[in-house]
Amino acid sequence: MGTAVRHSSSRCFKEPHLSLSYRYYCHDSDGRLHSAEWFDADSDKQAVELIQAEHPGGTCEIWQETRLVAKITPERLSA
């Protein structure tokens, strides 16, 4: 016979932390691909922040599987 396992309701079980896999594609000013790479992030927000920090002023797309997460374009500064 099998053994029943009972969990105490007073215990707190922490779920494992899983990050998501993303990929980014950055283009040069002529629209040609100049970099692409897989990376992990905890959320869409963190994925965008990571790529903005790594490619400031770049034009990039961030994908999570088949879902387009964000298109990042350089901010235009007005004179």
PDB file of N, CA and C in Angstrom:
ATOM      1  N   MET A   1       0.822  -1.185   0.000  1.00  0.00           N
ATOM      2  CA  MET A   1       0.000   0.000   0.000  1.00  0.00           C
ATOM      3  C   MET A   1       0.864   1.245   0.000  1.00  0.00           C
ATOM      4  N   GLY A   2       0.363   2.320  -0.608  1.00  0.00           N
ATOM      5  CA  GLY A   2       1.097   3.569  -0.664  1.00  0.00           C
ATOM      6  C   GLY A   2       1.004   4.321   0.656  1.00  0.00           C
ATOM      7  N   THR A   3       1.891   5.243   0.854  1.00  0.00           N
ATOM      8  CA  THR A   3       1.910   6.055   2.064  1.00  0.00           C
ATOM      9  C   THR A   3       1.330   7.426   1.757  1.00  0.00           C
ATOM     10  N   ALA A   4       0.410   7.870   2.558  1.00  0.00           N
ATOM     11  CA  ALA A   4      -0.176   9.191   2.379  1.00  0.00           C
ATOM     12  C   ALA A   4       0.795  10.249   2.882  1.00  0.00           C
ATOM     13  N   VAL A   5       0.910  11.328   2.177  1.00  0.00           N
ATOM     14  CA  VAL A   5       1.776  12.418   2.581  1.00  0.00           C
ATOM     15  C   VAL A   5       0.877  13.575   2.977  1.00  0.00           C
ATOM     16  N   ARG A   6       1.106  14.089   4.159  1.00  0.00           N
ATOM     17  CA  ARG A   6       0.290  15.185   4.651  1.00  0.00           C
ATOM     18  C   ARG A   6       1.171  16.412   4.832  1.00  0.00           C
ATOM     19  N   HIS A   7       0.719  17.539   4.350  1.00  0.00           N
ATOM     20  CA  HIS A   7       1.451  18.786   4.487  1.00  0.00           C
ATOM     21  C   HIS A   7       0.771  19.636   5.541  1.00  0.00           C
ATOM     22  N   SER A   8       1.554  20.150   6.442  1.00  0.00           N
ATOM     23  CA  SER A   8       1.030  21.019   7.487  1.00  0.00           C
ATOM     24  C   SER A   8       0.620  22.355   6.875  1.00  0.00           C
ATOM     25  N   SER A   9      -0.549  22.855   7.258  1.00  0.00           N
ATOM     26  CA  SER A   9      -1.015  24.132   6.725  1.00  0.00           C
ATOM     27  C   SER A   9      -0.200  25.296   7.281  1.00  0.00           C
ATOM     28  N   SER A  10       0.561  25.060   8.350  1.00  0.00           N
ATOM     29  CA  SER A  10       1.369  26.131   8.919  1.00  0.00           C
ATOM     30  C   SER A  10       2.688  26.323   8.176  1.00  0.00           C
ATOM     31  N   ARG A  11       3.044  25.384   7.336  1.00  0.00           N
ATOM     32  CA  ARG A  11       4.284  25.499   6.573  1.00  0.00           C
ATOM     33  C   ARG A  11       4.063  26.317   5.314  1.00  0.00           C
ATOM     34  N   CYS A  12       5.071  27.065   4.956  1.00  0.00           N
ATOM     35  CA  CYS A  12       5.027  27.866   3.738  1.00  0.00           C
ATOM     36  C   CYS A  12       6.003  27.258   2.750  1.00  0.00           C
ATOM     37  N   PHE A  13       5.502  26.793   1.628  1.00  0.00           N
ATOM     38  CA  PHE A  13       6.360  26.209   0.609  1.00  0.00           C
ATOM     39  C   PHE A  13       6.561  27.232  -0.495  1.00  0.00           C
ATOM     40  N   LYS A  14       7.812  27.536  -0.771  1.00  0.00           N
ATOM     41  CA  LYS A  14       8.132  28.508  -1.808  1.00  0.00           C
ATOM     42  C   LYS A  14       8.208  27.790  -3.145  1.00  0.00           C
ATOM     43  N   GLU A  15       7.494  28.319  -4.138  1.00  0.00           N
ATOM     44  CA  GLU A  15       7.533  27.734  -5.467  1.00  0.00           C
ATOM     45  C   GLU A  15       8.868  28.055  -6.124  1.00  0.00           C
ATOM     46  N   PRO A  16       9.347  27.160  -6.976  1.00  0.00           N
ATOM     47  CA  PRO A  16      10.610  27.430  -7.656  1.00  0.00           C
ATOM     48  C   PRO A  16      10.477  28.646  -8.561  1.00  0.00           C
ATOM     49  N   HIS A  17      11.551  29.421  -8.653  1.00  0.00           N
ATOM     50  CA  HIS A  17      11.572  30.623  -9.479  1.00  0.00           C
ATOM     51  C   HIS A  17      11.963  30.230 -10.896  1.00  0.00           C
ATOM     52  N   LEU A  18      11.111  30.529 -11.842  1.00  0.00           N
ATOM     53  CA  LEU A  18      11.388  30.208 -13.233  1.00  0.00           C
ATOM     54  C   LEU A  18      11.473  31.491 -14.042  1.00  0.00           C
ATOM     55  N   SER A  19      12.557  31.658 -14.771  1.00  0.00           N
ATOM     56  CA  SER A  19      12.657  32.816 -15.642  1.00  0.00           C
ATOM     57  C   SER A  19      12.184  32.404 -17.036  1.00  0.00           C
ATOM     58  N   LEU A  20      11.852  33.392 -17.829  1.00  0.00           N
ATOM     59  CA  LEU A  20      11.358  33.169 -19.175  1.00  0.00           C
ATOM     60  C   LEU A  20      12.480  33.369 -20.183  1.00  0.00           C
ATOM     61  N   SER A  21      12.414  32.657 -21.286  1.00  0.00           N
ATOM     62  CA  SER A  21      13.400  32.814 -22.352  1.00  0.00           C
ATOM     63  C   SER A  21      12.872  33.801 -23.381  1.00  0.00           C
ATOM     64  N   TYR A  22      13.707  34.743 -23.726  1.00  0.00           N
ATOM     65  CA  TYR A  22      13.390  35.768 -24.716  1.00  0.00           C
ATOM     66  C   TYR A  22      14.482  35.777 -25.763  1.00  0.00           C
ATOM     67  N   ARG A  23      14.211  36.444 -26.876  1.00  0.00           N
ATOM     68  CA  ARG A  23      15.263  36.727 -27.855  1.00  0.00           C
ATOM     69  C   ARG A  23      15.055  38.152 -28.335  1.00  0.00           C
ATOM     70  N   TYR A  24      16.147  38.782 -28.693  1.00  0.00           N
ATOM     71  CA  TYR A  24      16.045  40.137 -29.227  1.00  0.00           C
ATOM     72  C   TYR A  24      16.742  40.213 -30.566  1.00  0.00           C
ATOM     73  N   TYR A  25      16.263  41.134 -31.379  1.00  0.00           N
ATOM     74  CA  TYR A  25      16.845  41.430 -32.677  1.00  0.00           C
ATOM     75  C   TYR A  25      17.032  42.939 -32.744  1.00  0.00           C
ATOM     76  N   CYS A  26      18.234  43.409 -32.970  1.00  0.00           N
ATOM     77  CA  CYS A  26      18.494  44.840 -33.110  1.00  0.00           C
ATOM     78  C   CYS A  26      18.939  45.124 -34.531  1.00  0.00           C
ATOM     79  N   HIS A  27      18.461  46.253 -35.049  1.00  0.00           N
ATOM     80  CA  HIS A  27      18.713  46.644 -36.432  1.00  0.00           C
ATOM     81  C   HIS A  27      19.535  47.925 -36.482  1.00  0.00           C
ATOM     82  N   ASP A  28      20.322  48.050 -37.539  1.00  0.00           N
ATOM     83  CA  ASP A  28      21.076  49.290 -37.716  1.00  0.00           C
ATOM     84  C   ASP A  28      20.180  50.337 -38.368  1.00  0.00           C
ATOM     85  N   SER A  29      20.738  51.497 -38.650  1.00  0.00           N
ATOM     86  CA  SER A  29      19.936  52.595 -39.201  1.00  0.00           C
ATOM     87  C   SER A  29      19.397  52.302 -40.599  1.00  0.00           C
ATOM     88  N   ASP A  30      19.985  51.326 -41.290  1.00  0.00           N
ATOM     89  CA  ASP A  30      19.495  50.919 -42.609  1.00  0.00           C
ATOM     90  C   ASP A  30      18.481  49.781 -42.524  1.00  0.00           C
ATOM     91  N   GLY A  31      18.160  49.364 -41.297  1.00  0.00           N
ATOM     92  CA  GLY A  31      17.183  48.299 -41.113  1.00  0.00           C
ATOM     93  C   GLY A  31      17.751  46.900 -41.189  1.00  0.00           C
ATOM     94  N   ARG A  32      19.077  46.787 -41.279  1.00  0.00           N
ATOM     95  CA  ARG A  32      19.705  45.462 -41.330  1.00  0.00           C
ATOM     96  C   ARG A  32      19.960  44.944 -39.924  1.00  0.00           C
ATOM     97  N   LEU A  33      19.780  43.658 -39.770  1.00  0.00           N
ATOM     98  CA  LEU A  33      20.014  43.015 -38.483  1.00  0.00           C
ATOM     99  C   LEU A  33      21.482  43.111 -38.119  1.00  0.00           C
ATOM    100  N   HIS A  34      21.794  43.617 -36.922  1.00  0.00           N
ATOM    101  CA  HIS A  34      23.199  43.678 -36.514  1.00  0.00           C
ATOM    102  C   HIS A  34      23.472  42.893 -35.248  1.00  0.00           C
ATOM    103  N   SER A  35      22.423  42.499 -34.506  1.00  0.00           N
ATOM    104  CA  SER A  35      22.644  41.609 -33.365  1.00  0.00           C
ATOM    105  C   SER A  35      21.353  40.905 -33.015  1.00  0.00           C
ATOM    106  N   ALA A  36      21.513  39.688 -32.541  1.00  0.00           N
ATOM    107  CA  ALA A  36      20.381  38.869 -32.111  1.00  0.00           C
ATOM    108  C   ALA A  36      20.900  37.879 -31.085  1.00  0.00           C
ATOM    109  N   GLU A  37      20.118  37.666 -30.046  1.00  0.00           N
ATOM    110  CA  GLU A  37      20.593  36.775 -28.992  1.00  0.00           C
ATOM    111  C   GLU A  37      19.429  36.313 -28.124  1.00  0.00           C
ATOM    112  N   TRP A  38      19.568  35.124 -27.551  1.00  0.00           N
ATOM    113  CA  TRP A  38      18.634  34.614 -26.554  1.00  0.00           C
ATOM    114  C   TRP A  38      19.075  35.130 -25.191  1.00  0.00           C
ATOM    115  N   PHE A  39      18.112  35.393 -24.300  1.00  0.00           N
ATOM    116  CA  PHE A  39      18.431  35.778 -22.933  1.00  0.00           C
ATOM    117  C   PHE A  39      17.242  35.435 -22.035  1.00  0.00           C
ATOM    118  N   ASP A  40      17.473  35.394 -20.746  1.00  0.00           N
ATOM    119  CA  ASP A  40      16.430  35.089 -19.772  1.00  0.00           C
ATOM    120  C   ASP A  40      16.083  36.337 -18.966  1.00  0.00           C
ATOM    121  N   ALA A  41      14.823  36.449 -18.601  1.00  0.00           N
ATOM    122  CA  ALA A  41      14.359  37.542 -17.754  1.00  0.00           C
ATOM    123  C   ALA A  41      13.183  37.040 -16.935  1.00  0.00           C
ATOM    124  N   ASP A  42      12.905  37.728 -15.848  1.00  0.00           N
ATOM    125  CA  ASP A  42      11.812  37.331 -14.962  1.00  0.00           C
ATOM    126  C   ASP A  42      10.454  37.798 -15.457  1.00  0.00           C
ATOM    127  N   SER A  43      10.427  38.821 -16.327  1.00  0.00           N
ATOM    128  CA  SER A  43       9.157  39.382 -16.791  1.00  0.00           C
ATOM    129  C   SER A  43       9.392  40.150 -18.088  1.00  0.00           C
ATOM    130  N   ASP A  44       8.309  40.506 -18.748  1.00  0.00           N
ATOM    131  CA  ASP A  44       8.417  41.327 -19.949  1.00  0.00           C
ATOM    132  C   ASP A  44       9.075  42.659 -19.616  1.00  0.00           C
ATOM    133  N   LYS A  45       8.669  43.241 -18.499  1.00  0.00           N
ATOM    134  CA  LYS A  45       9.219  44.533 -18.092  1.00  0.00           C
ATOM    135  C   LYS A  45      10.734  44.447 -17.923  1.00  0.00           C
ATOM    136  N   GLN A  46      11.194  43.410 -17.241  1.00  0.00           N
ATOM    137  CA  GLN A  46      12.633  43.261 -17.048  1.00  0.00           C
ATOM    138  C   GLN A  46      13.340  43.009 -18.383  1.00  0.00           C
ATOM    139  N   ALA A  47      12.720  42.260 -19.270  1.00  0.00           N
ATOM    140  CA  ALA A  47      13.318  42.004 -20.584  1.00  0.00           C
ATOM    141  C   ALA A  47      13.535  43.309 -21.335  1.00  0.00           C
ATOM    142  N   VAL A  48      12.534  44.180 -21.333  1.00  0.00           N
ATOM    143  CA  VAL A  48      12.646  45.472 -22.011  1.00  0.00           C
ATOM    144  C   VAL A  48      13.741  46.316 -21.362  1.00  0.00           C
ATOM    145  N   GLU A  49      13.764  46.364 -20.037  1.00  0.00           N
ATOM    146  CA  GLU A  49      14.775  47.154 -19.328  1.00  0.00           C
ATOM    147  C   GLU A  49      16.189  46.664 -19.632  1.00  0.00           C
ATOM    148  N   LEU A  50      16.372  45.352 -19.687  1.00  0.00           N
ATOM    149  CA  LEU A  50      17.696  44.792 -19.980  1.00  0.00           C
ATOM    150  C   LEU A  50      18.183  45.190 -21.369  1.00  0.00           C
ATOM    151  N   ILE A  51      17.299  45.092 -22.353  1.00  0.00           N
ATOM    152  CA  ILE A  51      17.706  45.405 -23.722  1.00  0.00           C
ATOM    153  C   ILE A  51      17.898  46.908 -23.897  1.00  0.00           C
ATOM    154  N   GLN A  52      17.068  47.720 -23.271  1.00  0.00           N
ATOM    155  CA  GLN A  52      17.269  49.169 -23.346  1.00  0.00           C
ATOM    156  C   GLN A  52      18.610  49.566 -22.737  1.00  0.00           C
ATOM    157  N   ALA A  53      18.994  48.918 -21.658  1.00  0.00           N
ATOM    158  CA  ALA A  53      20.272  49.225 -21.016  1.00  0.00           C
ATOM    159  C   ALA A  53      21.448  48.736 -21.857  1.00  0.00           C
ATOM    160  N   GLU A  54      21.289  47.590 -22.507  1.00  0.00           N
ATOM    161  CA  GLU A  54      22.375  47.010 -23.290  1.00  0.00           C
ATOM    162  C   GLU A  54      22.527  47.674 -24.657  1.00  0.00           C
ATOM    163  N   HIS A  55      21.429  48.185 -25.205  1.00  0.00           N
ATOM    164  CA  HIS A  55      21.440  48.787 -26.543  1.00  0.00           C
ATOM    165  C   HIS A  55      20.780  50.160 -26.500  1.00  0.00           C
ATOM    166  N   PRO A  56      21.354  51.097 -25.754  1.00  0.00           N
ATOM    167  CA  PRO A  56      20.737  52.424 -25.678  1.00  0.00           C
ATOM    168  C   PRO A  56      20.729  53.081 -27.061  1.00  0.00           C
ATOM    169  N   GLY A  57      19.608  53.620 -27.418  1.00  0.00           N
ATOM    170  CA  GLY A  57      19.502  54.265 -28.718  1.00  0.00           C
ATOM    171  C   GLY A  57      19.320  53.301 -29.869  1.00  0.00           C
ATOM    172  N   GLY A  58      19.193  52.003 -29.565  1.00  0.00           N
ATOM    173  CA  GLY A  58      19.041  51.007 -30.619  1.00  0.00           C
ATOM    174  C   GLY A  58      17.594  50.796 -31.016  1.00  0.00           C
ATOM    175  N   THR A  59      17.404  50.224 -32.196  1.00  0.00           N
ATOM    176  CA  THR A  59      16.085  49.814 -32.655  1.00  0.00           C
ATOM    177  C   THR A  59      16.035  48.305 -32.529  1.00  0.00           C
ATOM    178  N   CYS A  60      15.231  47.808 -31.597  1.00  0.00           N
ATOM    179  CA  CYS A  60      15.229  46.378 -31.295  1.00  0.00           C
ATOM    180  C   CYS A  60      13.800  45.841 -31.164  1.00  0.00           C
ATOM    181  N   GLU A  61      13.664  44.553 -31.407  1.00  0.00           N
ATOM    182  CA  GLU A  61      12.427  43.833 -31.133  1.00  0.00           C
ATOM    183  C   GLU A  61      12.742  42.781 -30.088  1.00  0.00           C
ATOM    184  N   ILE A  62      11.813  42.574 -29.158  1.00  0.00           N
ATOM    185  CA  ILE A  62      11.967  41.546 -28.132  1.00  0.00           C
ATOM    186  C   ILE A  62      10.817  40.555 -28.300  1.00  0.00           C
ATOM    187  N   TRP A  63      11.172  39.280 -28.369  1.00  0.00           N
ATOM    188  CA  TRP A  63      10.195  38.214 -28.565  1.00  0.00           C
ATOM    189  C   TRP A  63      10.272  37.211 -27.426  1.00  0.00           C
ATOM    190  N   GLN A  64       9.138  36.672 -27.053  1.00  0.00           N
ATOM    191  CA  GLN A  64       9.059  35.564 -26.101  1.00  0.00           C
ATOM    192  C   GLN A  64       8.261  34.489 -26.831  1.00  0.00           C
ATOM    193  N   GLU A  65       8.956  33.468 -27.276  1.00  0.00           N
ATOM    194  CA  GLU A  65       8.426  32.449 -28.175  1.00  0.00           C
ATOM    195  C   GLU A  65       7.896  33.127 -29.437  1.00  0.00           C
ATOM    196  N   THR A  66       6.612  32.991 -29.756  1.00  0.00           N
ATOM    197  CA  THR A  66       6.066  33.598 -30.970  1.00  0.00           C
ATOM    198  C   THR A  66       5.379  34.930 -30.695  1.00  0.00           C
ATOM    199  N   ARG A  67       5.503  35.435 -29.491  1.00  0.00           N
ATOM    200  CA  ARG A  67       4.828  36.672 -29.080  1.00  0.00           C
ATOM    201  C   ARG A  67       5.797  37.849 -29.109  1.00  0.00           C
ATOM    202  N   LEU A  68       5.418  38.883 -29.861  1.00  0.00           N
ATOM    203  CA  LEU A  68       6.200  40.110 -29.870  1.00  0.00           C
ATOM    204  C   LEU A  68       5.916  40.857 -28.569  1.00  0.00           C
ATOM    205  N   VAL A  69       6.952  41.026 -27.758  1.00  0.00           N
ATOM    206  CA  VAL A  69       6.819  41.682 -26.457  1.00  0.00           C
ATOM    207  C   VAL A  69       6.897  43.193 -26.614  1.00  0.00           C
ATOM    208  N   ALA A  70       7.896  43.672 -27.372  1.00  0.00           N
ATOM    209  CA  ALA A  70       8.079  45.115 -27.513  1.00  0.00           C
ATOM    210  C   ALA A  70       8.942  45.432 -28.718  1.00  0.00           C
ATOM    211  N   LYS A  71       8.682  46.618 -29.286  1.00  0.00           N
ATOM    212  CA  LYS A  71       9.572  47.217 -30.279  1.00  0.00           C
ATOM    213  C   LYS A  71      10.153  48.446 -29.613  1.00  0.00           C
ATOM    214  N   ILE A  72      11.465  48.493 -29.569  1.00  0.00           N
ATOM    215  CA  ILE A  72      12.155  49.607 -28.919  1.00  0.00           C
ATOM    216  C   ILE A  72      12.781  50.459 -30.006  1.00  0.00           C
ATOM    217  N   THR A  73      12.468  51.740 -29.995  1.00  0.00           N
ATOM    218  CA  THR A  73      13.050  52.673 -30.956  1.00  0.00           C
ATOM    219  C   THR A  73      13.751  53.785 -30.206  1.00  0.00           C
ATOM    220  N   PRO A  74      14.765  54.374 -30.839  1.00  0.00           N
ATOM    221  CA  PRO A  74      15.478  55.471 -30.169  1.00  0.00           C
ATOM    222  C   PRO A  74      14.547  56.645 -29.905  1.00  0.00           C
ATOM    223  N   GLU A  75      14.727  57.254 -28.761  1.00  0.00           N
ATOM    224  CA  GLU A  75      13.942  58.440 -28.438  1.00  0.00           C
ATOM    225  C   GLU A  75      14.511  59.609 -29.226  1.00  0.00           C
ATOM    226  N   ARG A  76      13.640  60.366 -29.801  1.00  0.00           N
ATOM    227  CA  ARG A  76      14.056  61.545 -30.553  1.00  0.00           C
ATOM    228  C   ARG A  76      14.148  62.727 -29.603  1.00  0.00           C
ATOM    229  N   LEU A  77      15.272  63.394 -29.625  1.00  0.00           N
ATOM    230  CA  LEU A  77      15.455  64.573 -28.792  1.00  0.00           C
ATOM    231  C   LEU A  77      15.119  65.804 -29.617  1.00  0.00           C
ATOM    232  N   SER A  78      14.269  66.643 -29.085  1.00  0.00           N
ATOM    233  CA  SER A  78      13.933  67.857 -29.823  1.00  0.00           C
ATOM    234  C   SER A  78      14.916  68.959 -29.466  1.00  0.00           C
ATOM    235  N   ALA A  79      15.270  69.760 -30.461  1.00  0.00           N
ATOM    236  CA  ALA A  79      16.249  70.837 -30.244  1.00  0.00           C
ATOM    237  C   ALA A  79      15.577  72.091 -29.729  1.00  0.00           C
TER     238      ALA A  79
END
